[in-house]
Amino acid sequence: MTTPAPDNPIRLLEELTLNAWPSLQTVYDDGWVLRFANGYTRRANSVHPLYPPLGDLNDHIHRCENEYRRRGQPTVFKMTPLALPKELDTALARRGYKEQSVTSVQTLSLESLDLPQPETVTLAPDVSDDWLALFCRLSETNLRHLDTMRRMIASIVPNRCFAILHRDGAPAAIGLAVVEKGYVGLYDITTAAALRNRGIGRQLMLVLLHWGRDNGAAQAYLQVMTTNAPALRLYETLGFREVYQYWYRVKA
């Protein structure tokens, strides 16, 4: 199965990630998507300037700031090479917004995949309390986010898969895959700290990539911070290649 090359791969991947990682509340304001999720993850609590606004840029930024201020949250913009208008990044820098968390968005053709080694892996279409609790433990996520996480993840509309890999009878790695429009996105791939650098994360990813292909995907995508050297090396060995980078502008 092949997926035709998109006319605008950045916009397509940005829209896929919005669907795969939903916020709790969304406001659309003159071409920009404002997302709110009680402060859990920047992706779900930031302005996504996907489409060109028609109104005054400074007024637009000011409205966004007011929306986040009244919720007690910092104003964050998720920037890509296609963020519109083109002068937005410079305008935000002039207003004191600092660049943070540069992230690489990478894709992989699923035409040829290694087979995962025999492991005990459970796959489920819906999130469970066990999956959520295990993710919080392995990723050291504060439990105060648990209810927000549950509501966000339960709101994912496209086909999804929640995976747990066991080694020696104990949970060793966890991950989430979401399939839409011929792409499978990998999220929250986390390995137990004591078991890292043993190839466990790679095996879980292969399981999820095969699941994605079995469910209609021809391409995979993921997002990784450019400072995460171990993850970058792993994804390179699997064949992932960068399509573009995004970054955040955060009001100082």
C-alpha atoms as a PDB file:
ATOM      1  CA  MET A   1       0.000   0.000   0.000  1.00  0.00           C
ATOM      2  CA  THR A   2       1.297   3.460  -0.855  1.00  0.00           C
ATOM      3  CA  THR A   3       0.197   6.904   0.229  1.00  0.00           C
ATOM      4  CA  PRO A   4       0.464   9.679  -2.396  1.00  0.00           C
ATOM      5  CA  ALA A   5       2.938  12.398  -1.486  1.00  0.00           C
ATOM      6  CA  PRO A   6       0.957  15.276   0.042  1.00  0.00           C
ATOM      7  CA  ASP A   7       1.013  18.677  -1.639  1.00  0.00           C
ATOM      8  CA  ASN A   8       1.798  20.259   1.722  1.00  0.00           C
ATOM      9  CA  PRO A   9       3.429  17.676   4.041  1.00  0.00           C
ATOM     10  CA  ILE A  10       3.941  20.098   6.926  1.00  0.00           C
ATOM     11  CA  ARG A  11       0.295  21.113   7.059  1.00  0.00           C
ATOM     12  CA  LEU A  12      -0.823  17.493   6.740  1.00  0.00           C
ATOM     13  CA  LEU A  13       1.423  16.317   9.578  1.00  0.00           C
ATOM     14  CA  GLU A  14       0.421  19.248  11.776  1.00  0.00           C
ATOM     15  CA  GLU A  15      -3.248  18.421  11.293  1.00  0.00           C
ATOM     16  CA  LEU A  16      -2.585  14.734  11.996  1.00  0.00           C
ATOM     17  CA  THR A  17      -0.884  15.615  15.276  1.00  0.00           C
ATOM     18  CA  LEU A  18      -3.777  17.887  16.284  1.00  0.00           C
ATOM     19  CA  ASN A  19      -6.176  14.968  15.810  1.00  0.00           C
ATOM     20  CA  ALA A  20      -3.908  12.416  17.469  1.00  0.00           C
ATOM     21  CA  TRP A  21      -3.269  14.571  20.552  1.00  0.00           C
ATOM     22  CA  PRO A  22      -6.522  16.436  21.227  1.00  0.00           C
ATOM     23  CA  SER A  23      -6.904  19.232  23.717  1.00  0.00           C
ATOM     24  CA  LEU A  24      -9.836  19.600  26.095  1.00  0.00           C
ATOM     25  CA  GLN A  25     -10.947  22.933  24.636  1.00  0.00           C
ATOM     26  CA  THR A  26     -10.326  24.586  21.279  1.00  0.00           C
ATOM     27  CA  VAL A  27     -10.901  28.146  20.117  1.00  0.00           C
ATOM     28  CA  TYR A  28     -10.607  29.121  16.452  1.00  0.00           C
ATOM     29  CA  ASP A  29      -9.599  32.733  15.948  1.00  0.00           C
ATOM     30  CA  ASP A  30      -9.051  34.127  12.445  1.00  0.00           C
ATOM     31  CA  GLY A  31      -7.070  31.160  11.087  1.00  0.00           C
ATOM     32  CA  TRP A  32      -5.297  30.233  14.328  1.00  0.00           C
ATOM     33  CA  VAL A  33      -6.123  27.269  16.565  1.00  0.00           C
ATOM     34  CA  LEU A  34      -5.939  27.976  20.305  1.00  0.00           C
ATOM     35  CA  ARG A  35      -5.809  24.849  22.455  1.00  0.00           C
ATOM     36  CA  PHE A  36      -6.290  24.370  26.183  1.00  0.00           C
ATOM     37  CA  ALA A  37      -5.802  21.272  28.356  1.00  0.00           C
ATOM     38  CA  ASN A  38      -5.160  22.424  31.913  1.00  0.00           C
ATOM     39  CA  GLY A  39      -1.480  22.959  31.171  1.00  0.00           C
ATOM     40  CA  TYR A  40      -0.711  19.309  30.309  1.00  0.00           C
ATOM     41  CA  THR A  41       1.801  19.297  27.407  1.00  0.00           C
ATOM     42  CA  ARG A  42       2.653  22.320  25.321  1.00  0.00           C
ATOM     43  CA  ARG A  43       1.163  20.809  22.173  1.00  0.00           C
ATOM     44  CA  ALA A  44      -2.263  20.796  23.810  1.00  0.00           C
ATOM     45  CA  ASN A  45      -1.867  24.254  25.400  1.00  0.00           C
ATOM     46  CA  SER A  46      -0.597  26.483  22.622  1.00  0.00           C
ATOM     47  CA  VAL A  47      -1.570  28.578  19.618  1.00  0.00           C
ATOM     48  CA  HIS A  48      -1.206  26.796  16.280  1.00  0.00           C
ATOM     49  CA  PRO A  49      -1.012  29.451  13.528  1.00  0.00           C
ATOM     50  CA  LEU A  50      -1.902  27.122  10.670  1.00  0.00           C
ATOM     51  CA  TYR A  51      -3.829  29.449   8.392  1.00  0.00           C
ATOM     52  CA  PRO A  52      -3.346  33.094   7.318  1.00  0.00           C
ATOM     53  CA  PRO A  53      -5.266  35.604   9.455  1.00  0.00           C
ATOM     54  CA  LEU A  54      -7.159  38.449   7.871  1.00  0.00           C
ATOM     55  CA  GLY A  55      -7.045  40.940  10.735  1.00  0.00           C
ATOM     56  CA  ASP A  56      -4.310  43.030  12.360  1.00  0.00           C
ATOM     57  CA  LEU A  57      -1.433  40.869  13.608  1.00  0.00           C
ATOM     58  CA  ASN A  58      -0.819  42.730  16.874  1.00  0.00           C
ATOM     59  CA  ASP A  59      -4.516  42.663  17.745  1.00  0.00           C
ATOM     60  CA  HIS A  60      -4.566  38.954  17.000  1.00  0.00           C
ATOM     61  CA  ILE A  61      -1.607  38.215  19.289  1.00  0.00           C
ATOM     62  CA  HIS A  62      -3.183  40.350  22.005  1.00  0.00           C
ATOM     63  CA  ARG A  63      -6.435  38.364  21.835  1.00  0.00           C
ATOM     64  CA  CYS A  64      -4.494  35.131  22.211  1.00  0.00           C
ATOM     65  CA  GLU A  65      -2.634  36.480  25.214  1.00  0.00           C
ATOM     66  CA  ASN A  66      -5.922  37.440  26.841  1.00  0.00           C
ATOM     67  CA  GLU A  67      -7.380  33.964  26.286  1.00  0.00           C
ATOM     68  CA  TYR A  68      -4.443  32.242  28.007  1.00  0.00           C
ATOM     69  CA  ARG A  69      -4.117  34.882  30.730  1.00  0.00           C
ATOM     70  CA  ARG A  70      -7.714  34.452  31.856  1.00  0.00           C
ATOM     71  CA  ARG A  71      -7.053  30.712  32.260  1.00  0.00           C
ATOM     72  CA  GLY A  72      -3.900  31.379  34.268  1.00  0.00           C
ATOM     73  CA  GLN A  73      -1.671  29.851  31.597  1.00  0.00           C
ATOM     74  CA  PRO A  74       1.385  31.212  29.767  1.00  0.00           C
ATOM     75  CA  THR A  75       0.881  32.178  26.134  1.00  0.00           C
ATOM     76  CA  VAL A  76       2.707  29.704  23.913  1.00  0.00           C
ATOM     77  CA  PHE A  77       2.885  29.613  20.112  1.00  0.00           C
ATOM     78  CA  LYS A  78       3.786  26.383  18.278  1.00  0.00           C
ATOM     79  CA  MET A  79       5.782  27.540  15.278  1.00  0.00           C
ATOM     80  CA  THR A  80       6.580  25.723  12.038  1.00  0.00           C
ATOM     81  CA  PRO A  81       8.112  26.849   8.735  1.00  0.00           C
ATOM     82  CA  LEU A  82       4.516  27.345   7.550  1.00  0.00           C
ATOM     83  CA  ALA A  83       3.341  29.459  10.509  1.00  0.00           C
ATOM     84  CA  LEU A  84       1.276  32.315   9.150  1.00  0.00           C
ATOM     85  CA  PRO A  85       1.735  35.158   8.624  1.00  0.00           C
ATOM     86  CA  LYS A  86       5.412  34.798   7.702  1.00  0.00           C
ATOM     87  CA  GLU A  87       6.420  37.711   9.931  1.00  0.00           C
ATOM     88  CA  LEU A  88       4.846  36.106  13.013  1.00  0.00           C
ATOM     89  CA  ASP A  89       8.051  34.575  14.415  1.00  0.00           C
ATOM     90  CA  THR A  90       9.876  37.906  14.207  1.00  0.00           C
ATOM     91  CA  ALA A  91       6.902  39.756  15.698  1.00  0.00           C
ATOM     92  CA  LEU A  92       6.776  37.352  18.652  1.00  0.00           C
ATOM     93  CA  ALA A  93      10.517  37.682  19.255  1.00  0.00           C
ATOM     94  CA  ARG A  94      10.139  41.457  19.370  1.00  0.00           C
ATOM     95  CA  ARG A  95       7.387  41.068  21.964  1.00  0.00           C
ATOM     96  CA  GLY A  96       9.710  39.077  24.221  1.00  0.00           C
ATOM     97  CA  TYR A  97       8.719  35.540  23.249  1.00  0.00           C
ATOM     98  CA  LYS A  98      11.692  33.186  23.648  1.00  0.00           C
ATOM     99  CA  GLU A  99      12.374  30.208  21.387  1.00  0.00           C
ATOM    100  CA  GLN A 100      12.233  26.870  23.216  1.00  0.00           C
ATOM    101  CA  SER A 101      12.093  23.109  22.636  1.00  0.00           C
ATOM    102  CA  VAL A 102      13.129  22.772  18.985  1.00  0.00           C
ATOM    103  CA  THR A 103      11.607  19.502  17.773  1.00  0.00           C
ATOM    104  CA  SER A 104      12.232  17.324  14.730  1.00  0.00           C
ATOM    105  CA  VAL A 105       9.235  15.849  12.875  1.00  0.00           C
ATOM    106  CA  GLN A 106      10.291  12.681  11.080  1.00  0.00           C
ATOM    107  CA  THR A 107       8.651  10.162   8.772  1.00  0.00           C
ATOM    108  CA  LEU A 108       9.316   6.592   7.680  1.00  0.00           C
ATOM    109  CA  SER A 109       8.013   4.478   4.805  1.00  0.00           C
ATOM    110  CA  LEU A 110       6.446   1.248   6.056  1.00  0.00           C
ATOM    111  CA  GLU A 111       7.142  -0.596   2.810  1.00  0.00           C
ATOM    112  CA  SER A 112       9.941  -2.603   4.437  1.00  0.00           C
ATOM    113  CA  LEU A 113       9.994  -3.203   8.192  1.00  0.00           C
ATOM    114  CA  ASP A 114      12.080  -5.431  10.420  1.00  0.00           C
ATOM    115  CA  LEU A 115      10.102  -8.018  12.323  1.00  0.00           C
ATOM    116  CA  PRO A 116       9.973  -7.466  16.085  1.00  0.00           C
ATOM    117  CA  GLN A 117      11.510 -10.104  18.303  1.00  0.00           C
ATOM    118  CA  PRO A 118       9.122 -12.369  20.186  1.00  0.00           C
ATOM    119  CA  GLU A 119       7.918 -10.385  23.180  1.00  0.00           C
ATOM    120  CA  THR A 120       4.814 -10.329  25.333  1.00  0.00           C
ATOM    121  CA  VAL A 121       2.942  -7.251  24.116  1.00  0.00           C
ATOM    122  CA  THR A 122      -0.636  -6.310  24.909  1.00  0.00           C
ATOM    123  CA  LEU A 123      -2.483  -4.113  22.407  1.00  0.00           C
ATOM    124  CA  ALA A 124      -5.791  -2.411  23.147  1.00  0.00           C
ATOM    125  CA  PRO A 125      -7.985   0.016  21.187  1.00  0.00           C
ATOM    126  CA  ASP A 126      -8.988   1.973  24.283  1.00  0.00           C
ATOM    127  CA  VAL A 127      -7.018   3.484  27.123  1.00  0.00           C
ATOM    128  CA  SER A 128      -7.159   1.724  30.484  1.00  0.00           C
ATOM    129  CA  ASP A 129      -6.403   2.850  34.008  1.00  0.00           C
ATOM    130  CA  ASP A 130      -3.472   0.406  34.033  1.00  0.00           C
ATOM    131  CA  TRP A 131      -1.997   1.980  30.888  1.00  0.00           C
ATOM    132  CA  LEU A 132      -2.349   5.492  32.284  1.00  0.00           C
ATOM    133  CA  ALA A 133      -0.864   4.579  35.654  1.00  0.00           C
ATOM    134  CA  LEU A 134       2.046   2.769  34.008  1.00  0.00           C
ATOM    135  CA  PHE A 135       2.747   5.692  31.701  1.00  0.00           C
ATOM    136  CA  CYS A 136       2.813   8.111  34.638  1.00  0.00           C
ATOM    137  CA  ARG A 137       5.198   5.817  36.516  1.00  0.00           C
ATOM    138  CA  LEU A 138       7.596   5.146  33.639  1.00  0.00           C
ATOM    139  CA  SER A 139       7.637   8.752  32.402  1.00  0.00           C
ATOM    140  CA  GLU A 140       7.572  10.252  35.918  1.00  0.00           C
ATOM    141  CA  THR A 141       4.525  12.323  35.001  1.00  0.00           C
ATOM    142  CA  ASN A 142       2.896  14.090  37.928  1.00  0.00           C
ATOM    143  CA  LEU A 143      -0.303  12.283  38.909  1.00  0.00           C
ATOM    144  CA  ARG A 144      -2.118  15.621  39.103  1.00  0.00           C
ATOM    145  CA  HIS A 145      -2.306  15.402  35.289  1.00  0.00           C
ATOM    146  CA  LEU A 146      -3.940  11.964  35.341  1.00  0.00           C
ATOM    147  CA  ASP A 147      -7.546  13.096  34.895  1.00  0.00           C
ATOM    148  CA  THR A 148      -6.579  15.524  32.109  1.00  0.00           C
ATOM    149  CA  MET A 149      -4.579  12.792  30.362  1.00  0.00           C
ATOM    150  CA  ARG A 150      -7.508  10.376  30.594  1.00  0.00           C
ATOM    151  CA  ARG A 151      -9.944  12.884  29.109  1.00  0.00           C
ATOM    152  CA  MET A 152      -7.560  13.903  26.319  1.00  0.00           C
ATOM    153  CA  ILE A 153      -6.622  10.388  25.293  1.00  0.00           C
ATOM    154  CA  ALA A 154     -10.218   9.168  25.461  1.00  0.00           C
ATOM    155  CA  SER A 155     -11.082  11.958  22.996  1.00  0.00           C
ATOM    156  CA  ILE A 156      -8.826  10.648  20.216  1.00  0.00           C
ATOM    157  CA  VAL A 157     -11.124  10.081  17.234  1.00  0.00           C
ATOM    158  CA  PRO A 158      -8.900   8.185  14.719  1.00  0.00           C
ATOM    159  CA  ASN A 159      -8.047   4.499  15.151  1.00  0.00           C
ATOM    160  CA  ARG A 160      -5.613   4.096  18.050  1.00  0.00           C
ATOM    161  CA  CYS A 161      -3.593   1.408  19.795  1.00  0.00           C
ATOM    162  CA  PHE A 162      -2.357   1.377  23.390  1.00  0.00           C
ATOM    163  CA  ALA A 163       0.599  -0.971  23.839  1.00  0.00           C
ATOM    164  CA  ILE A 164       2.449  -2.419  26.818  1.00  0.00           C
ATOM    165  CA  LEU A 165       5.539  -4.593  26.348  1.00  0.00           C
ATOM    166  CA  HIS A 166       6.430  -7.006  29.136  1.00  0.00           C
ATOM    167  CA  ARG A 167       9.861  -8.426  29.790  1.00  0.00           C
ATOM    168  CA  ASP A 168      10.396 -11.200  32.340  1.00  0.00           C
ATOM    169  CA  GLY A 169       6.787 -10.866  33.404  1.00  0.00           C
ATOM    170  CA  ALA A 170       6.960  -7.148  34.233  1.00  0.00           C
ATOM    171  CA  PRO A 171       5.945  -4.047  32.223  1.00  0.00           C
ATOM    172  CA  ALA A 172       9.037  -2.741  30.435  1.00  0.00           C
ATOM    173  CA  ALA A 173       7.789  -0.224  27.849  1.00  0.00           C
ATOM    174  CA  ILE A 174       4.643   1.564  26.831  1.00  0.00           C
ATOM    175  CA  GLY A 175       3.428   3.448  23.769  1.00  0.00           C
ATOM    176  CA  LEU A 176       0.540   4.811  21.743  1.00  0.00           C
ATOM    177  CA  ALA A 177      -0.082   4.688  17.992  1.00  0.00           C
ATOM    178  CA  VAL A 178      -2.746   6.590  16.029  1.00  0.00           C
ATOM    179  CA  VAL A 179      -3.673   5.866  12.393  1.00  0.00           C
ATOM    180  CA  GLU A 180      -5.215   8.428  10.051  1.00  0.00           C
ATOM    181  CA  LYS A 181      -5.033   9.158   6.297  1.00  0.00           C
ATOM    182  CA  GLY A 182      -2.421   6.486   5.624  1.00  0.00           C
ATOM    183  CA  TYR A 183      -0.087   7.580   8.443  1.00  0.00           C
ATOM    184  CA  VAL A 184       0.590   6.054  11.832  1.00  0.00           C
ATOM    185  CA  GLY A 185       1.840   8.434  14.504  1.00  0.00           C
ATOM    186  CA  LEU A 186       3.871   7.166  17.453  1.00  0.00           C
ATOM    187  CA  TYR A 187       3.375   8.863  20.821  1.00  0.00           C
ATOM    188  CA  ASP A 188       4.501   8.432  24.428  1.00  0.00           C
ATOM    189  CA  ILE A 189       7.078   5.732  23.701  1.00  0.00           C
ATOM    190  CA  THR A 190       8.573   5.215  27.162  1.00  0.00           C
ATOM    191  CA  THR A 191      10.871   2.494  28.531  1.00  0.00           C
ATOM    192  CA  ALA A 192      11.477   1.721  32.198  1.00  0.00           C
ATOM    193  CA  ALA A 193      14.590   3.596  33.311  1.00  0.00           C
ATOM    194  CA  ALA A 194      16.398   0.443  34.490  1.00  0.00           C
ATOM    195  CA  LEU A 195      15.839  -1.255  31.117  1.00  0.00           C
ATOM    196  CA  ARG A 196      16.885   1.488  28.708  1.00  0.00           C
ATOM    197  CA  ASN A 197      19.563   0.975  26.029  1.00  0.00           C
ATOM    198  CA  ARG A 198      18.606  -2.687  25.660  1.00  0.00           C
ATOM    199  CA  GLY A 199      16.561  -2.407  22.479  1.00  0.00           C
ATOM    200  CA  ILE A 200      13.206  -2.651  24.254  1.00  0.00           C
ATOM    201  CA  GLY A 201      11.908   0.670  22.928  1.00  0.00           C
ATOM    202  CA  ARG A 202      12.887  -0.378  19.409  1.00  0.00           C
ATOM    203  CA  GLN A 203      10.926  -3.630  19.740  1.00  0.00           C
ATOM    204  CA  LEU A 204       7.825  -1.819  20.960  1.00  0.00           C
ATOM    205  CA  MET A 205       8.076   0.655  18.093  1.00  0.00           C
ATOM    206  CA  LEU A 206       8.318  -2.182  15.568  1.00  0.00           C
ATOM    207  CA  VAL A 207       5.188  -3.758  17.044  1.00  0.00           C
ATOM    208  CA  LEU A 208       3.306  -0.464  16.715  1.00  0.00           C
ATOM    209  CA  LEU A 209       4.630   0.185  13.198  1.00  0.00           C
ATOM    210  CA  HIS A 210       3.414  -3.249  12.081  1.00  0.00           C
ATOM    211  CA  TRP A 211       0.065  -2.551  13.748  1.00  0.00           C
ATOM    212  CA  GLY A 212      -0.121   0.709  11.818  1.00  0.00           C
ATOM    213  CA  ARG A 213       0.635  -0.993   8.521  1.00  0.00           C
ATOM    214  CA  ASP A 214      -1.942  -3.712   9.260  1.00  0.00           C
ATOM    215  CA  ASN A 215      -4.462  -0.918   9.822  1.00  0.00           C
ATOM    216  CA  GLY A 216      -3.913   0.893   6.557  1.00  0.00           C
ATOM    217  CA  ALA A 217      -0.838   3.066   7.131  1.00  0.00           C
ATOM    218  CA  ALA A 218       1.916   3.324   4.543  1.00  0.00           C
ATOM    219  CA  GLN A 219       3.935   5.988   6.373  1.00  0.00           C
ATOM    220  CA  ALA A 220       4.838   6.617  10.003  1.00  0.00           C
ATOM    221  CA  TYR A 221       5.637   9.864  11.767  1.00  0.00           C
ATOM    222  CA  LEU A 222       6.951  10.932  15.147  1.00  0.00           C
ATOM    223  CA  GLN A 223       8.223  14.018  16.948  1.00  0.00           C
ATOM    224  CA  VAL A 224      11.464  14.185  18.911  1.00  0.00           C
ATOM    225  CA  MET A 225      13.289  17.069  20.553  1.00  0.00           C
ATOM    226  CA  THR A 226      16.601  17.843  18.863  1.00  0.00           C
ATOM    227  CA  THR A 227      18.379  17.624  22.231  1.00  0.00           C
ATOM    228  CA  ASN A 228      17.310  13.985  22.751  1.00  0.00           C
ATOM    229  CA  ALA A 229      20.383  12.310  21.273  1.00  0.00           C
ATOM    230  CA  PRO A 230      19.552   8.695  22.283  1.00  0.00           C
ATOM    231  CA  ALA A 231      16.073   8.883  20.735  1.00  0.00           C
ATOM    232  CA  LEU A 232      17.439  10.505  17.567  1.00  0.00           C
ATOM    233  CA  ARG A 233      19.948   7.665  17.165  1.00  0.00           C
ATOM    234  CA  LEU A 234      17.245   5.045  17.683  1.00  0.00           C
ATOM    235  CA  TYR A 235      14.880   6.610  15.159  1.00  0.00           C
ATOM    236  CA  GLU A 236      17.676   6.930  12.614  1.00  0.00           C
ATOM    237  CA  THR A 237      18.426   3.198  12.874  1.00  0.00           C
ATOM    238  CA  LEU A 238      14.765   2.497  12.141  1.00  0.00           C
ATOM    239  CA  GLY A 239      14.972   4.674   9.028  1.00  0.00           C
ATOM    240  CA  PHE A 240      13.123   7.802  10.157  1.00  0.00           C
ATOM    241  CA  ARG A 241      14.185  10.988   8.383  1.00  0.00           C
ATOM    242  CA  GLU A 242      13.409  14.605   9.230  1.00  0.00           C
ATOM    243  CA  VAL A 243      10.759  16.463   7.243  1.00  0.00           C
ATOM    244  CA  TYR A 244      10.808  19.732   9.206  1.00  0.00           C
ATOM    245  CA  GLN A 245      11.327  21.217  12.645  1.00  0.00           C
ATOM    246  CA  TYR A 246       8.974  23.103  14.897  1.00  0.00           C
ATOM    247  CA  TRP A 247       9.654  25.206  17.961  1.00  0.00           C
ATOM    248  CA  TYR A 248       7.758  27.053  20.626  1.00  0.00           C
ATOM    249  CA  ARG A 249       7.664  30.776  21.304  1.00  0.00           C
ATOM    250  CA  VAL A 250       6.956  31.359  24.983  1.00  0.00           C
ATOM    251  CA  LYS A 251       6.218  34.730  26.553  1.00  0.00           C
ATOM    252  CA  ALA A 252       9.094  35.578  28.933  1.00  0.00           C
END
